Amino acid sequence: MQLLNTPTPSPGVIWAVVRFLSSEGKPLPKETITMFLEPGEEARNAGPVHHALSTLRGLGLAVGADDTWSLTGGLEQVAVDDYAGFQRVVRRAVLGVEGEVPDPPEDIRRALAWILQRDPFKESFNWTTVDQLHNRSAPDGQLVLANDTRWPSFAAWGTALGLIAPAPHTRDRHVPDCTRAVRHVLTAGLERGRSVDSMSVLQLLRRQLPILAGGSLATSLGYTLDVQKVVGAALSFALMRGEQEGWLVLGQDSDASVVINLHDPERSSARICSTIILMEGDDV
């Protein structure tokens, strides 16, 4: 699957189809889905709804053909108004967290692996900067993004997955800010108010977000990490943003036997972190 190529629709269209199926709560004929979301005979086998269903099937999140369609892979449990739940399930499918998907979207995996090695403290990107400065910087020497038509799709999908975000002070650029995805994972995986050793938290994040530096998917794409306790810039940014916003506490115990090293541009050396406490989840 090439998730960034046309005619794959935007994540907003995918969400609209998921919401409709969720609201009905039962398998539906494709004709019914199309009639409500995309009226017109000519659209039934060529329009956004058709391609949204095909994309969901390729990700292992829907089953069906022309006769009857239903959600699966965890989407069937997502409420009609639970966009965060939709993000979690689709992200896990795109990254292959539960196992390989039927038709893995290699294009967005390659692009996400690249951008999540970059430094959100000082870098932001649009197509021009990627094309002119970075498009051959992947470990295999291949293009990060094949052409300019893929950048808008990448920006939309990366943002929907919670792995990148619009640059706050620079129009039409994006930064490798994975805070949203990190908060999802920590909300599901940690008990609020309980101190957890930082290496265990780092391992949890790399398992659930294997596209991060040190994760299995990033490693398979050539982004190796020699020292496991070193946290990449993108994840460091997300953890320290969580601390600044008050939903994380990053502790440093001078007697700790195991620590992680955070990238902090305001320090001359790595910031040491030995414990992490989740104070608030993403449902507040």
Protein backbone atom coordinates (compact mmCIF):
# COMPACT_ATOMS: atom_id res chain seq x y z
CA MET A 1 0.00 0.00 0.00
CA GLN A 2 1.12 3.52 -0.84
CA LEU A 3 -0.72 5.60 1.73
CA LEU A 4 0.61 8.91 0.42
CA ASN A 5 -0.36 8.40 -3.21
CA THR A 6 -3.60 9.39 -4.85
CA PRO A 7 -6.31 8.15 -4.86
CA THR A 8 -5.88 7.29 -1.16
CA PRO A 9 -8.10 9.84 0.61
CA SER A 10 -7.13 12.06 3.53
CA PRO A 11 -7.49 10.79 7.11
CA GLY A 12 -10.50 13.09 7.47
CA VAL A 13 -12.37 11.14 4.80
CA ILE A 14 -11.33 7.85 6.42
CA TRP A 15 -12.68 9.12 9.76
CA ALA A 16 -15.99 10.12 8.17
CA VAL A 17 -16.45 6.58 6.82
CA VAL A 18 -15.48 5.06 10.17
CA ARG A 19 -17.93 7.32 12.01
CA PHE A 20 -20.75 6.36 9.70
CA LEU A 21 -20.10 2.64 10.11
CA SER A 22 -19.74 3.09 13.87
CA SER A 23 -22.98 5.04 14.15
CA GLU A 24 -24.91 2.30 12.39
CA GLY A 25 -23.36 -0.42 14.57
CA LYS A 26 -23.79 -3.19 12.03
CA PRO A 27 -22.35 -4.35 8.68
CA LEU A 28 -23.55 -2.18 5.82
CA PRO A 29 -23.73 -2.57 2.04
CA LYS A 30 -21.26 -0.40 0.19
CA GLU A 31 -24.18 1.10 -1.71
CA THR A 32 -25.68 2.36 1.55
CA ILE A 33 -22.40 3.90 2.73
CA THR A 34 -21.88 5.64 -0.58
CA MET A 35 -25.48 6.82 -0.82
CA PHE A 36 -25.21 8.68 2.50
CA LEU A 37 -21.63 9.95 2.26
CA GLU A 38 -21.11 10.42 -1.45
CA PRO A 39 -24.31 10.46 -3.48
CA GLY A 40 -23.96 9.78 -7.17
CA GLU A 41 -23.84 6.59 -9.18
CA GLU A 42 -20.49 7.42 -10.76
CA ALA A 43 -18.73 7.58 -7.37
CA ARG A 44 -19.47 4.08 -6.13
CA ASN A 45 -16.37 2.40 -7.54
CA ALA A 46 -14.07 5.35 -8.01
CA GLY A 47 -14.75 8.00 -5.39
CA PRO A 48 -13.31 8.75 -1.93
CA VAL A 49 -15.63 6.34 -0.11
CA HIS A 50 -14.54 3.47 -2.34
CA HIS A 51 -10.87 4.26 -1.75
CA ALA A 52 -11.41 4.85 1.99
CA LEU A 53 -12.87 1.37 2.34
CA SER A 54 -10.01 -0.10 0.33
CA THR A 55 -7.49 1.71 2.53
CA LEU A 56 -9.13 0.45 5.72
CA ARG A 57 -9.11 -3.10 4.34
CA GLY A 58 -5.43 -2.79 3.41
CA LEU A 59 -4.66 -1.75 6.99
CA GLY A 60 -6.65 -4.66 8.40
CA LEU A 61 -9.29 -2.31 9.84
CA ALA A 62 -12.29 -3.24 7.69
CA VAL A 63 -13.59 -6.36 6.02
CA GLY A 64 -15.93 -6.63 3.09
CA ALA A 65 -16.43 -6.31 -0.61
CA ASP A 66 -19.17 -4.63 -2.61
CA ASP A 67 -21.90 -6.42 -0.66
CA THR A 68 -21.26 -5.78 3.03
CA TRP A 69 -18.61 -3.85 4.97
CA SER A 70 -17.79 -3.74 8.68
CA LEU A 71 -15.04 -2.39 10.91
CA THR A 72 -12.46 -4.66 12.51
CA GLY A 73 -8.97 -4.56 14.01
CA GLY A 74 -10.13 -2.50 17.00
CA LEU A 75 -12.05 0.15 15.06
CA GLU A 76 -15.28 -1.70 15.76
CA GLN A 77 -14.84 -0.72 19.44
CA VAL A 78 -14.25 3.00 18.77
CA ALA A 79 -17.19 5.25 19.60
CA VAL A 80 -18.59 7.54 16.95
CA ASP A 81 -17.14 10.65 18.66
CA ASP A 82 -13.83 9.11 19.80
CA TYR A 83 -11.30 10.60 17.41
CA ALA A 84 -8.44 9.85 19.81
CA GLY A 85 -9.45 6.19 19.75
CA PHE A 86 -9.47 6.30 15.95
CA GLN A 87 -5.97 7.81 16.02
CA ARG A 88 -4.66 5.07 18.31
CA VAL A 89 -6.04 2.19 16.26
CA VAL A 90 -4.97 3.56 12.88
CA ARG A 91 -1.51 4.45 14.18
CA ARG A 92 -0.98 0.93 15.50
CA ALA A 93 -2.03 -0.49 12.14
CA VAL A 94 0.18 1.87 10.13
CA LEU A 95 3.17 1.01 12.35
CA GLY A 96 2.38 -2.71 12.51
CA VAL A 97 2.35 -2.76 16.31
CA GLU A 98 -0.06 -5.71 16.55
CA GLY A 99 1.74 -7.60 13.77
CA GLU A 100 2.10 -7.00 10.06
CA VAL A 101 -0.91 -5.50 8.34
CA PRO A 102 -2.26 -7.07 5.13
CA ASP A 103 -0.80 -4.36 2.92
CA PRO A 104 1.82 -2.35 4.88
CA PRO A 105 2.10 1.35 3.96
CA GLU A 106 5.84 1.51 3.36
CA ASP A 107 5.90 5.05 1.98
CA ILE A 108 4.69 6.76 5.15
CA ARG A 109 6.80 4.49 7.34
CA ARG A 110 9.93 5.55 5.49
CA ALA A 111 9.02 9.24 5.69
CA LEU A 112 8.07 9.07 9.38
CA ALA A 113 11.27 7.21 10.26
CA TRP A 114 13.25 9.97 8.59
CA ILE A 115 11.48 12.97 10.10
CA LEU A 116 11.46 11.49 13.61
CA GLN A 117 15.26 11.45 13.55
CA ARG A 118 15.24 15.22 13.12
CA ASP A 119 15.33 17.85 15.87
CA PRO A 120 12.00 19.60 16.63
CA PHE A 121 13.83 22.03 18.90
CA LYS A 122 15.39 23.72 15.86
CA GLU A 123 14.00 22.25 12.61
CA SER A 124 10.75 22.54 10.69
CA PHE A 125 9.92 21.22 7.23
CA ASN A 126 7.89 21.77 4.11
CA TRP A 127 8.28 20.16 0.70
CA THR A 128 10.84 22.72 -0.45
CA THR A 129 13.18 22.14 2.48
CA VAL A 130 12.87 18.37 2.21
CA ASP A 131 13.43 18.38 -1.55
CA GLN A 132 16.35 20.80 -1.55
CA LEU A 133 18.18 19.74 1.59
CA HIS A 134 17.15 16.32 2.82
CA ASN A 135 15.52 14.16 0.18
CA ARG A 136 18.52 11.85 -0.22
CA SER A 137 19.50 11.71 3.45
CA ALA A 138 17.78 8.37 4.19
CA PRO A 139 20.24 5.57 5.07
CA ASP A 140 19.49 3.66 1.87
CA GLY A 141 20.09 6.72 -0.30
CA GLN A 142 16.57 6.59 -1.69
CA LEU A 143 14.23 9.58 -1.75
CA VAL A 144 12.43 10.35 1.49
CA LEU A 145 9.40 11.47 -0.54
CA ALA A 146 9.17 10.69 -4.23
CA ASN A 147 7.50 13.92 -5.34
CA ASP A 148 5.78 17.11 -4.22
CA THR A 149 2.28 15.60 -4.35
CA ARG A 150 3.12 13.34 -1.41
CA TRP A 151 4.06 16.07 1.06
CA PRO A 152 0.49 17.34 1.73
CA SER A 153 -0.65 13.75 2.28
CA PHE A 154 2.29 13.09 4.57
CA ALA A 155 1.58 16.25 6.57
CA ALA A 156 -2.09 15.27 6.95
CA TRP A 157 -1.44 11.63 7.84
CA GLY A 158 1.51 12.33 10.13
CA THR A 159 -0.55 14.88 12.05
CA ALA A 160 -3.56 12.55 12.28
CA LEU A 161 -1.31 9.81 13.67
CA GLY A 162 0.02 12.20 16.33
CA LEU A 163 3.60 11.80 15.14
CA ILE A 164 4.20 15.23 13.61
CA ALA A 165 2.52 18.59 14.13
CA PRO A 166 2.15 21.95 12.39
CA ALA A 167 5.01 24.29 13.27
CA PRO A 168 3.64 26.76 15.85
CA HIS A 169 5.36 29.87 14.50
CA THR A 170 6.09 29.06 10.86
CA ARG A 171 3.27 28.85 8.35
CA ASP A 172 2.92 25.74 6.17
CA ARG A 173 5.69 23.84 7.93
CA HIS A 174 5.64 20.79 10.19
CA VAL A 175 7.87 19.60 13.01
CA PRO A 176 8.61 16.07 14.28
CA ASP A 177 6.47 16.60 17.37
CA CYS A 178 5.19 13.18 18.50
CA THR A 179 3.72 14.46 21.78
CA ARG A 180 0.17 13.39 20.94
CA ALA A 181 1.17 9.79 20.23
CA VAL A 182 3.44 9.67 23.29
CA ARG A 183 0.63 10.85 25.56
CA HIS A 184 -1.72 8.22 24.11
CA VAL A 185 0.80 5.46 24.83
CA LEU A 186 1.61 6.64 28.35
CA THR A 187 -2.07 7.09 29.24
CA ALA A 188 -2.76 3.48 28.26
CA GLY A 189 0.43 2.03 29.70
CA LEU A 190 1.13 3.83 32.98
CA GLU A 191 -0.73 4.22 36.26
CA ARG A 192 -1.33 7.85 37.08
CA GLY A 193 0.70 9.21 39.96
CA ARG A 194 3.03 6.19 40.14
CA SER A 195 6.77 6.65 39.67
CA VAL A 196 8.21 4.31 37.00
CA ASP A 197 11.85 3.87 36.10
CA SER A 198 12.62 5.83 32.96
CA MET A 199 14.15 2.94 31.02
CA SER A 200 10.93 0.92 31.35
CA VAL A 201 8.97 3.90 30.02
CA LEU A 202 11.42 4.32 27.14
CA GLN A 203 11.07 0.64 26.23
CA LEU A 204 7.27 0.92 26.35
CA LEU A 205 7.34 3.89 23.98
CA ARG A 206 9.67 2.15 21.56
CA ARG A 207 7.45 -0.94 21.51
CA GLN A 208 4.26 1.01 20.90
CA LEU A 209 5.86 3.61 18.61
CA PRO A 210 8.53 1.52 16.84
CA ILE A 211 9.14 4.29 14.32
CA LEU A 212 10.98 6.30 17.03
CA ALA A 213 14.76 6.22 17.30
CA GLY A 214 15.68 2.86 18.87
CA GLY A 215 12.39 1.23 17.83
CA SER A 216 12.29 -1.90 15.72
CA LEU A 217 10.70 -0.28 12.68
CA ALA A 218 13.16 2.62 12.60
CA THR A 219 16.04 0.16 13.00
CA SER A 220 14.77 -2.01 10.14
CA LEU A 221 14.80 1.09 7.92
CA GLY A 222 18.45 1.77 8.72
CA TYR A 223 18.17 4.22 11.61
CA THR A 224 20.27 2.38 14.16
CA LEU A 225 20.97 3.45 17.72
CA ASP A 226 24.14 2.21 19.42
CA VAL A 227 23.33 3.34 22.97
CA GLN A 228 19.83 2.34 24.08
CA LYS A 229 19.63 4.84 26.93
CA VAL A 230 20.01 7.76 24.53
CA VAL A 231 16.63 9.28 23.73
CA GLY A 232 16.26 10.82 20.27
CA ALA A 233 15.52 14.51 19.86
CA ALA A 234 11.88 14.01 18.82
CA LEU A 235 10.99 11.85 21.82
CA SER A 236 13.00 14.08 24.16
CA PHE A 237 10.97 17.04 22.91
CA ALA A 238 7.69 15.20 23.60
CA LEU A 239 8.69 14.14 27.11
CA MET A 240 9.92 17.60 28.06
CA ARG A 241 6.82 19.18 26.56
CA GLY A 242 4.79 16.87 28.78
CA GLU A 243 6.77 18.10 31.76
CA GLN A 244 6.25 21.74 30.78
CA GLU A 245 2.50 21.20 30.31
CA GLY A 246 2.25 19.48 33.67
CA TRP A 247 1.09 15.99 32.73
CA LEU A 248 4.51 14.39 33.21
CA VAL A 249 7.12 14.61 35.95
CA LEU A 250 10.68 13.73 34.89
CA GLY A 251 12.78 12.86 37.93
CA GLN A 252 16.50 12.55 38.51
CA ASP A 253 17.67 10.31 41.35
CA SER A 254 21.38 10.59 41.96
CA ASP A 255 21.46 6.98 43.23
CA ALA A 256 19.61 5.47 40.25
CA SER A 257 21.38 2.55 38.61
CA VAL A 258 19.56 2.91 35.28
CA VAL A 259 18.89 6.25 33.61
CA ILE A 260 18.06 7.64 30.19
CA ASN A 261 19.71 10.60 28.47
CA LEU A 262 17.40 13.29 27.12
CA HIS A 263 18.39 15.73 24.41
CA ASP A 264 18.06 19.23 25.85
CA PRO A 265 19.36 22.10 23.67
CA GLU A 266 19.60 24.40 26.69
CA ARG A 267 22.24 22.19 28.29
CA SER A 268 25.81 21.52 27.28
CA SER A 269 25.40 17.82 28.06
CA ALA A 270 22.54 15.33 28.09
CA ARG A 271 19.82 15.68 30.69
CA ILE A 272 19.67 12.63 32.96
CA CYS A 273 16.25 11.16 33.80
CA SER A 274 15.73 8.21 36.15
CA THR A 275 11.97 8.22 36.81
CA ILE A 276 8.81 9.30 35.02
CA ILE A 277 5.39 9.94 36.55
CA LEU A 278 2.20 10.33 34.51
CA MET A 279 0.12 12.97 36.28
CA GLU A 280 -2.72 13.33 33.78
CA GLY A 281 -3.83 11.24 30.81
CA ASP A 282 -5.06 12.41 27.45
CA ASP A 283 -8.70 12.25 28.52
CA VAL A 284 -8.71 15.29 30.78
